[in-house]
Structures are given as C-alpha cells and as structure tokens.
Protein backbone atom coordinates (compact mmCIF):
# COMPACT_ATOMS: atom_id res chain seq x y z
CA MET A 1 -11.44 4.68 18.75
CA LYS A 2 -13.01 6.15 15.74
CA VAL A 3 -12.00 5.21 12.20
CA LEU A 4 -12.51 7.29 9.16
CA PHE A 5 -12.15 6.15 5.56
CA LEU A 6 -11.26 8.05 2.94
CA ASP A 7 -12.21 7.32 -1.21
CA GLN A 8 -8.79 8.68 -2.85
CA PRO A 9 -7.94 10.68 -5.45
CA ALA A 10 -11.07 12.97 -6.56
CA GLY A 11 -12.92 11.38 -8.87
CA VAL A 12 -12.60 7.22 -6.94
CA GLY A 13 -15.36 5.67 -5.36
CA TYR A 14 -17.82 8.14 -3.55
CA SER A 15 -14.78 10.77 -4.14
CA THR A 16 -15.80 14.44 -5.71
CA GLY A 17 -13.89 17.24 -7.07
CA GLU A 18 -12.10 18.31 -10.22
CA LEU A 19 -10.15 15.21 -11.69
CA ASN A 20 -6.62 16.88 -12.08
CA ASP A 21 -4.81 15.16 -9.35
CA ASP A 22 -1.79 13.19 -10.59
CA ASN A 23 0.87 12.09 -8.07
CA VAL A 24 0.93 11.51 -4.69
CA GLU A 25 2.08 15.36 -3.98
CA MET A 26 -1.43 16.44 -4.75
CA VAL A 27 -3.42 13.31 -2.77
CA ALA A 28 -1.41 14.22 0.19
CA GLU A 29 -2.35 17.93 -0.24
CA ASP A 30 -6.24 17.06 -1.00
CA VAL A 31 -6.07 15.46 2.13
CA TYR A 32 -4.44 17.27 4.37
CA TYR A 33 -6.69 20.40 3.72
CA PHE A 34 -9.47 17.94 4.22
CA LEU A 35 -8.42 16.57 7.21
CA ARG A 36 -8.52 20.60 8.42
CA SER A 37 -11.37 20.63 7.27
CA PHE A 38 -13.21 17.79 9.42
CA PHE A 39 -11.65 18.70 12.05
CA ALA A 40 -12.58 22.18 12.68
CA SER A 41 -16.14 21.01 12.00
CA ASP A 42 -18.94 20.55 13.72
CA GLU A 43 -18.69 17.02 13.77
CA GLY A 44 -14.47 16.91 14.08
CA SER A 45 -14.15 18.76 16.14
CA ALA A 46 -14.38 16.79 18.95
CA TYR A 47 -11.62 14.84 17.69
CA ALA A 48 -9.25 17.06 17.23
CA GLY A 49 -5.58 17.13 18.57
CA SER A 50 -6.61 13.11 19.65
CA PRO A 51 -4.09 10.43 18.05
CA LEU A 52 -4.36 10.01 14.34
CA TYR A 53 -2.96 7.22 12.72
CA LEU A 54 -2.77 6.61 8.97
CA ALA A 55 -3.06 3.27 7.34
CA GLY A 56 -3.80 1.95 3.55
CA GLU A 57 -3.15 -0.85 1.26
CA SER A 58 -1.95 -1.52 -2.22
CA TYR A 59 -0.66 2.20 -3.58
CA ALA A 60 -1.04 3.95 -0.34
CA GLY A 61 2.56 2.22 -0.27
CA HIS A 62 2.90 5.94 -1.77
CA TYR A 63 -0.50 7.80 -1.22
CA THR A 64 0.35 7.38 2.93
CA PRO A 65 3.87 7.91 2.97
CA ALA A 66 2.92 11.20 1.10
CA ILE A 67 0.21 12.22 3.30
CA ALA A 68 1.92 11.62 6.63
CA HIS A 69 5.40 14.32 4.77
CA ARG A 70 2.30 17.08 4.69
CA ILE A 71 1.20 16.66 7.61
CA LEU A 72 4.74 16.43 9.39
CA ASN A 73 4.78 19.77 7.08
CA ASP A 74 2.26 21.25 8.32
CA GLY A 75 3.31 25.32 8.13
CA VAL A 76 0.18 25.96 8.97
CA GLY A 77 1.49 27.07 13.27
CA GLY A 78 2.49 22.71 13.44
CA ASN A 79 3.78 21.70 16.60
CA GLY A 80 5.98 18.70 15.26
CA GLY A 81 3.91 15.60 15.83
CA GLY A 82 1.99 16.84 12.92
CA GLY A 83 0.18 19.97 13.00
CA ALA A 84 -2.41 22.36 15.03
CA ASP A 85 -5.60 19.60 14.71
CA MET A 86 -3.01 16.70 13.93
CA ASN A 87 -1.98 14.95 16.15
CA LEU A 88 -0.22 12.62 14.02
CA VAL A 89 1.33 9.70 15.68
CA GLY A 90 1.55 6.57 13.42
CA VAL A 91 1.66 4.56 9.97
CA ALA A 92 0.06 0.92 9.04
CA ILE A 93 0.59 0.11 5.54
CA GLY A 94 -0.76 -3.51 3.83
CA ASN A 95 1.30 -5.33 1.31
CA GLY A 96 2.31 -1.82 -0.19
CA PHE A 97 3.59 -0.47 -3.50
CA PHE A 98 7.02 2.02 -2.15
CA SER A 99 9.81 1.49 -4.67
CA ALA A 100 9.64 0.16 -8.51
CA ALA A 101 13.03 -0.32 -8.43
CA ILE A 102 13.57 -2.31 -5.37
CA GLN A 103 10.22 -4.31 -5.24
CA TRP A 104 10.51 -5.47 -9.43
CA LYS A 105 13.42 -7.65 -8.25
CA TRP A 106 10.88 -9.62 -6.11
CA TYR A 107 8.88 -10.78 -8.42
CA ALA A 108 10.89 -13.83 -10.05
CA PRO A 109 11.97 -15.33 -6.68
CA MET A 110 8.68 -14.45 -5.31
CA ALA A 111 7.19 -16.49 -7.51
CA TYR A 112 9.83 -19.30 -8.61
CA GLN A 113 9.67 -19.58 -4.61
CA PHE A 114 6.12 -20.57 -3.98
CA LYS A 115 5.99 -23.72 -5.37
CA ASP A 116 8.51 -25.04 -2.01
CA ALA A 117 6.43 -22.99 0.49
CA TYR A 118 3.04 -23.63 -0.68
CA GLY A 119 2.89 -26.34 -3.25
CA VAL A 120 1.56 -24.21 -6.02
CA GLU A 121 3.71 -24.11 -9.61
CA VAL A 122 3.98 -20.60 -11.12
CA LEU A 123 7.28 -20.38 -12.46
CA THR A 124 9.12 -22.87 -13.99
CA LYS A 125 13.45 -22.64 -13.40
CA GLU A 126 12.90 -21.28 -17.50
CA GLU A 127 10.08 -18.78 -16.74
CA TYR A 128 12.38 -17.30 -13.41
CA ASN A 129 15.71 -16.91 -15.62
CA VAL A 130 13.46 -15.19 -18.92
CA MET A 131 11.40 -12.70 -16.07
CA THR A 132 14.88 -12.23 -13.92
CA GLU A 133 16.22 -11.10 -16.97
CA GLY A 134 13.91 -8.69 -17.87
CA ALA A 135 13.29 -7.48 -14.06
CA GLU A 136 16.68 -6.11 -14.94
CA VAL A 137 15.60 -3.85 -17.66
CA CYS A 138 12.33 -2.32 -16.25
CA VAL A 139 14.61 -1.67 -12.58
CA GLU A 140 16.76 0.50 -14.52
CA LEU A 141 14.17 2.27 -16.44
CA ALA A 142 12.58 3.06 -12.89
CA GLU A 143 15.95 4.14 -11.46
CA ASP A 144 16.42 6.17 -13.99
CA CYS A 145 13.09 8.00 -13.47
CA ASN A 146 13.84 7.85 -10.05
CA GLU A 147 17.03 9.76 -10.96
CA ASP A 148 15.72 12.51 -13.62
CA ALA A 149 11.99 12.49 -14.24
CA ALA A 150 12.83 13.25 -18.31
CA LYS A 151 13.50 9.82 -18.47
CA CYS A 152 10.66 8.60 -17.38
CA GLU A 153 9.32 6.59 -20.18
CA PRO A 154 5.96 5.59 -20.48
CA ILE A 155 5.10 1.87 -18.59
CA SER A 156 2.52 1.02 -21.78
CA ASN A 157 5.24 1.64 -23.63
CA SER A 158 7.78 -1.15 -21.94
CA THR A 159 7.04 -4.37 -21.28
CA CYS A 160 7.28 -4.85 -17.08
CA TRP A 161 3.19 -3.98 -16.97
CA GLY A 162 2.66 -6.56 -19.38
CA PRO A 163 4.39 -9.75 -20.54
CA THR A 164 7.89 -9.61 -18.11
CA PHE A 165 6.12 -9.97 -14.98
CA PHE A 166 2.37 -10.49 -15.70
CA GLY A 167 2.52 -12.56 -18.60
CA VAL A 168 2.73 -15.96 -16.90
CA PHE A 169 -0.14 -15.22 -14.57
CA GLY A 170 -2.74 -14.51 -17.76
CA ASP A 171 -1.61 -17.22 -19.64
CA GLN A 172 -2.21 -19.70 -15.88
CA ASN A 173 -5.49 -17.23 -15.34
CA ARG A 174 -3.93 -16.91 -11.80
CA SER A 175 -4.31 -14.12 -9.23
CA VAL A 176 -1.54 -12.14 -8.72
CA TYR A 177 -3.20 -11.28 -5.81
CA ASP A 178 -3.70 -14.13 -4.45
CA MET A 179 -1.13 -17.21 -5.87
CA THR A 180 -3.24 -19.91 -4.74
CA GLN A 181 -6.24 -18.79 -6.28
CA GLN A 182 -7.41 -19.17 -10.24
CA CYS A 183 -9.55 -16.50 -11.61
CA THR A 184 -12.76 -17.84 -13.18
CA ALA A 185 -16.20 -15.97 -13.82
CA ALA A 186 -17.16 -16.31 -10.35
CA ASN A 187 -13.84 -14.89 -9.28
CA SER A 188 -12.44 -12.10 -11.42
CA CYS A 189 -9.38 -11.41 -9.47
CA VAL A 190 -9.80 -8.19 -9.87
CA ASP A 191 -13.03 -6.67 -8.26
CA SER A 192 -15.05 -6.75 -5.34
CA PRO A 193 -18.38 -7.69 -5.83
CA ASN A 194 -19.16 -7.94 -2.08
CA ILE A 195 -17.91 -4.59 -1.02
CA GLU A 196 -19.92 -2.82 -4.19
CA GLU A 197 -22.81 -4.94 -4.05
CA PHE A 198 -22.82 -3.29 -0.39
CA LEU A 199 -21.33 0.96 -1.20
CA ASN A 200 -24.23 0.90 -4.49
CA LEU A 201 -27.35 -0.70 -1.78
CA ASN A 202 -29.67 2.23 -1.40
CA SER A 203 -29.75 2.19 2.42
CA THR A 204 -25.71 2.49 1.89
CA LYS A 205 -25.81 5.67 -0.19
CA ARG A 206 -28.55 7.38 2.94
CA ALA A 207 -26.14 6.32 5.93
CA LEU A 208 -23.37 8.17 3.89
CA HIS A 209 -25.69 10.99 2.57
CA VAL A 210 -24.51 10.19 -1.04
CA PRO A 211 -27.10 10.84 -3.77
CA LEU A 212 -28.85 7.74 -5.11
CA ASP A 213 -28.40 7.56 -8.63
CA GLU A 214 -24.20 7.60 -7.92
CA VAL A 215 -22.21 4.75 -9.11
CA TRP A 216 -19.63 3.23 -6.35
CA THR A 217 -17.23 1.47 -8.49
CA GLU A 218 -13.64 -0.12 -7.38
CA CYS A 219 -11.53 1.41 -10.27
CA SER A 220 -11.68 4.39 -12.18
CA ARG A 221 -10.33 4.04 -15.51
CA GLU A 222 -10.21 7.82 -16.28
CA VAL A 223 -8.29 8.24 -13.29
CA ASN A 224 -5.30 5.98 -13.91
CA ARG A 225 -5.70 7.34 -17.79
CA ARG A 226 -4.69 10.46 -16.06
CA TRP A 227 -2.04 9.62 -13.57
CA SER A 228 1.40 10.40 -14.00
CA GLU A 229 4.05 7.27 -15.61
CA ARG A 230 6.94 9.93 -12.58
CA ASP A 231 4.54 9.11 -9.80
CA PHE A 232 4.10 5.42 -9.79
CA LEU A 233 7.88 4.63 -10.70
CA ALA A 234 8.75 6.87 -7.82
CA SER A 235 9.83 5.83 -4.33
CA THR A 236 8.41 7.36 -1.15
CA MET A 237 10.75 5.75 1.00
CA PRO A 238 12.45 9.00 1.60
CA TYR A 239 8.86 10.07 3.05
CA LEU A 240 8.79 7.16 5.49
CA GLU A 241 12.41 8.02 6.48
CA GLU A 242 10.55 11.22 7.85
CA VAL A 243 8.01 9.39 9.64
CA LEU A 244 10.51 7.08 11.19
CA GLY A 245 12.61 10.03 11.57
CA SER A 246 10.41 12.04 13.97
CA ASN A 247 10.58 8.61 15.84
CA LEU A 248 6.82 7.80 14.94
CA PRO A 249 6.04 4.20 14.97
CA VAL A 250 5.79 2.01 11.12
CA LEU A 251 3.99 -0.72 10.70
CA LEU A 252 4.81 -3.11 7.40
CA TYR A 253 2.77 -5.63 6.56
CA ALA A 254 1.56 -8.16 4.05
CA GLY A 255 0.41 -11.36 2.86
CA ASP A 256 2.19 -13.87 1.82
CA TYR A 257 0.11 -15.28 -0.85
CA ASP A 258 0.36 -11.88 -2.24
CA TYR A 259 2.37 -11.69 -5.81
CA ILE A 260 1.50 -8.13 -6.60
CA CYS A 261 2.91 -5.99 -3.84
CA ASN A 262 4.18 -9.27 -1.88
CA TYR A 263 6.24 -9.78 1.37
CA LEU A 264 9.95 -9.96 0.31
CA GLY A 265 9.51 -7.01 -2.05
CA VAL A 266 7.62 -4.99 0.78
CA LEU A 267 10.81 -6.57 3.18
CA ALA A 268 13.32 -5.78 1.17
CA VAL A 269 12.43 -1.95 1.49
CA ALA A 270 11.82 -1.77 4.60
CA ARG A 271 15.68 -3.28 5.21
CA ALA A 272 16.26 -0.51 2.87
CA LEU A 273 15.46 2.76 4.59
CA ASP A 274 17.84 4.49 6.01
CA TRP A 275 16.88 5.78 9.30
CA GLU A 276 18.41 5.40 12.63
CA HIS A 277 18.11 2.24 14.05
CA ALA A 278 18.40 0.86 9.95
CA ALA A 279 20.83 -1.73 10.75
CA ASP A 280 19.44 -2.43 14.11
CA PHE A 281 16.19 -3.85 11.36
CA ASP A 282 18.67 -5.59 9.11
CA ALA A 283 20.01 -7.65 11.83
CA ALA A 284 17.36 -8.40 13.56
CA GLU A 285 15.95 -11.69 13.84
CA ASP A 286 12.62 -13.23 12.05
CA HIS A 287 10.17 -14.52 14.61
CA ASP A 288 7.26 -16.32 15.35
CA TRP A 289 4.01 -13.79 15.36
CA GLU A 290 0.66 -15.08 18.01
CA ASP A 291 1.60 -18.63 17.83
CA GLY A 292 1.84 -19.36 13.91
CA ARG A 293 0.14 -16.74 12.44
CA GLY A 294 3.05 -15.15 11.30
CA GLU A 295 6.71 -13.69 11.21
CA ALA A 296 7.72 -10.64 12.40
CA ARG A 297 10.85 -8.32 12.27
CA SER A 298 11.37 -5.40 14.59
CA ALA A 299 13.49 -2.29 15.31
CA GLY A 300 13.18 0.99 17.19
CA LYS A 301 9.85 2.15 15.55
CA LEU A 302 10.01 0.16 12.88
CA SER A 303 7.91 -3.61 12.42
CA PHE A 304 7.34 -6.02 9.49
CA LEU A 305 5.18 -8.46 9.99
CA ARG A 306 4.21 -11.28 6.98
CA ILE A 307 0.84 -12.51 7.78
CA TYR A 308 0.67 -16.38 7.12
CA ARG A 309 -1.93 -17.68 4.37
CA ALA A 310 -3.21 -14.25 3.20
CA GLY A 311 -3.27 -12.41 -0.37
CA HIS A 312 -3.32 -8.63 -1.19
CA MET A 313 -5.91 -7.89 0.95
CA VAL A 314 -5.14 -9.20 4.74
CA PRO A 315 -8.33 -8.57 6.24
CA THR A 316 -10.44 -10.02 4.12
CA ASP A 317 -8.61 -13.40 4.10
CA GLN A 318 -7.76 -13.32 8.05
CA PRO A 319 -9.62 -10.82 10.32
CA VAL A 320 -8.82 -12.76 13.58
CA SER A 321 -4.74 -12.08 12.42
CA SER A 322 -5.57 -8.67 11.23
CA LEU A 323 -7.41 -7.29 13.80
CA LYS A 324 -4.72 -8.94 16.48
CA MET A 325 -2.41 -7.09 14.14
CA ILE A 326 -3.81 -3.78 14.66
CA ASP A 327 -4.95 -3.81 18.82
CA GLN A 328 -1.23 -4.42 19.22
CA PHE A 329 0.42 -1.72 17.04
CA LEU A 330 -2.58 0.77 18.75
CA ALA A 331 -1.22 -0.52 22.35
CA GLY A 332 1.88 0.21 21.51
CA LYS A 333 3.32 -3.16 21.86
CA PRO A 334 6.40 -4.46 20.02
CA PHE A 335 5.82 -7.21 17.52
C-alpha cells in the first residue's frame, strides 16, 4: 500500500502553480491531470491501474467527491471504474463539509447536547434557541444559493460565519474543532504547530525536494480570499451519490468532539443521500464498533462511523481507532 499526499488547491502548503482555482470543479480538474501525469511518470507508472482510494477530511467533503466525479467521468478512454490509468475503488472522508443547507441545521443541537453527553456546557437553553432561529436564515441562504448562483450572498455579509454559529465559541475561547478544549496561547485551536515545525525542517524539505527558502503554512489567506461563495454553499452530495451509484464503497466518519463538521450533521448528510440503498441505510440500526471505540451504521456500499473521544482531526486524537478503521475499510469488511 502506497500513500500519496497532495497539498491542494494550488498555493496552499508546498503546492505551486497559478492561484486561479476558486471552486472544487477546478481543483478536481487539476488533481485529475496531476494523477494522470503521475501514473505516466517513471516513478508512478508502476502503480498505474492499481486500486485507488481517495481520502481527505474537512473541506475534502467538497474536494474528494468532486475529484471522484472527475475520475469517474474520465473521457480519456475510461473504463467506467476510473479511467485508463486510474482504478478508483473507494472514497473515505472524515468530518467532511458536504452541504451547508443540511449541516448548519445541526450546529445548535450538537453544541446543546454536549453537556448531557460529555458534561461540558457549550450552549445554554437561551443560546440554543437563538442559534436555532438564526440557523433558519442561514439554511435558507444556502438553499437559495444552490438553486440559483445569482442568489449567493457573500457569507462575509451575513452573520452565519460569525455570530450565529461561532459567537459563543469566541466568548468562551472554546475550540470549534474539539469542544472539550479551551483555546490558549499554547493551544491556538487553529494551527498544528507540530506539523508546521516538521514540514519546515530542512531535512523534510530536502526529502520532499522543496527549496529550502520555501515556508509551509497550514492556511493560505490568499487562496481563502479568492474562494467562491457559491462553492462554499454548494452541496457535493450529488457527487457522493454518483460514487455510490458506481457501486464503490463510501466511508463517512467523524470524531464526536468536533463542532464545525460534527457527526450529527455528517450523519444527516449520509441519511439524505439519494441512492439505491437509501431506505436501507436510513432504517439501519446504529451499533457498537470495536468494543466501544465508536458507533457504526451501514447499508450497501455506504458506511457511517462515529469515532468516540475524537475531534476534527480523528487520527491525531485516536490513532489506534483510525488505523483499525482504515484497515477495515481497505479490507472491504462491513462496519
């Protein structure tokens, strides 16, 4: 098994190229041609036609389904399973952001029930009511944008990406990525200092053939500034439905301490997917996974997995559970 990590879109991490991508379709096109070039290269040709899994987390709920869609609609001598040099066989996405219109509905319930589940009060009843009321406006904004791109109002001009959903977190200095954590000078709740330190070591740069004067940063404000509001509000669920319709396995997993792409919202997305076994998945019972490591639900080729005691970055918080999960998925075993 070989793992290939991509910094994308262009301009983030150590990736290079013109900073002209502003939606996932453009990213998918870039990744598609990168993969074709890699599998045609001296080093990559040995893996051409090998089983290809796509995996990612967070906004990969947008990126990964779009990339899968592009591969499945290859158009260069494709074979229905991913193209001449790409044998797409599965997709896994952790704490993904797929649909604002659906997932925004679950911010208030997730934050409010956290006290009963974990003993940490994030929202009072009054704050819950205010957030629920505000969510209705935000969901309508997302639905209008999906229906007509001309109706896409900038999130920056609304309260959705600020006071409505995140005001209480700022007031409490609480992490939106792990609701059990407070944000401090040592724990910024945004950056991953250990990753940033490792990727900026000269030894790491030499191994990656990166110029020593390049600086790796976790977030690119320039790329974020250019990004399309339409893309942020758009749903990528049709792409997931296409993957399932191609009879390929899809794993959606989520750490249950996360707020920003919480497990309630991800499960709601999974239950709203329109595909052959949608009714079976909706009726399926949640069941224990790996003796208390999580809770699973499966039907057909779709699996949802809630990982206990993990935040937005599940492998960081629960590495053993993550390894068991990915081994099980790659082995094709049911959850």
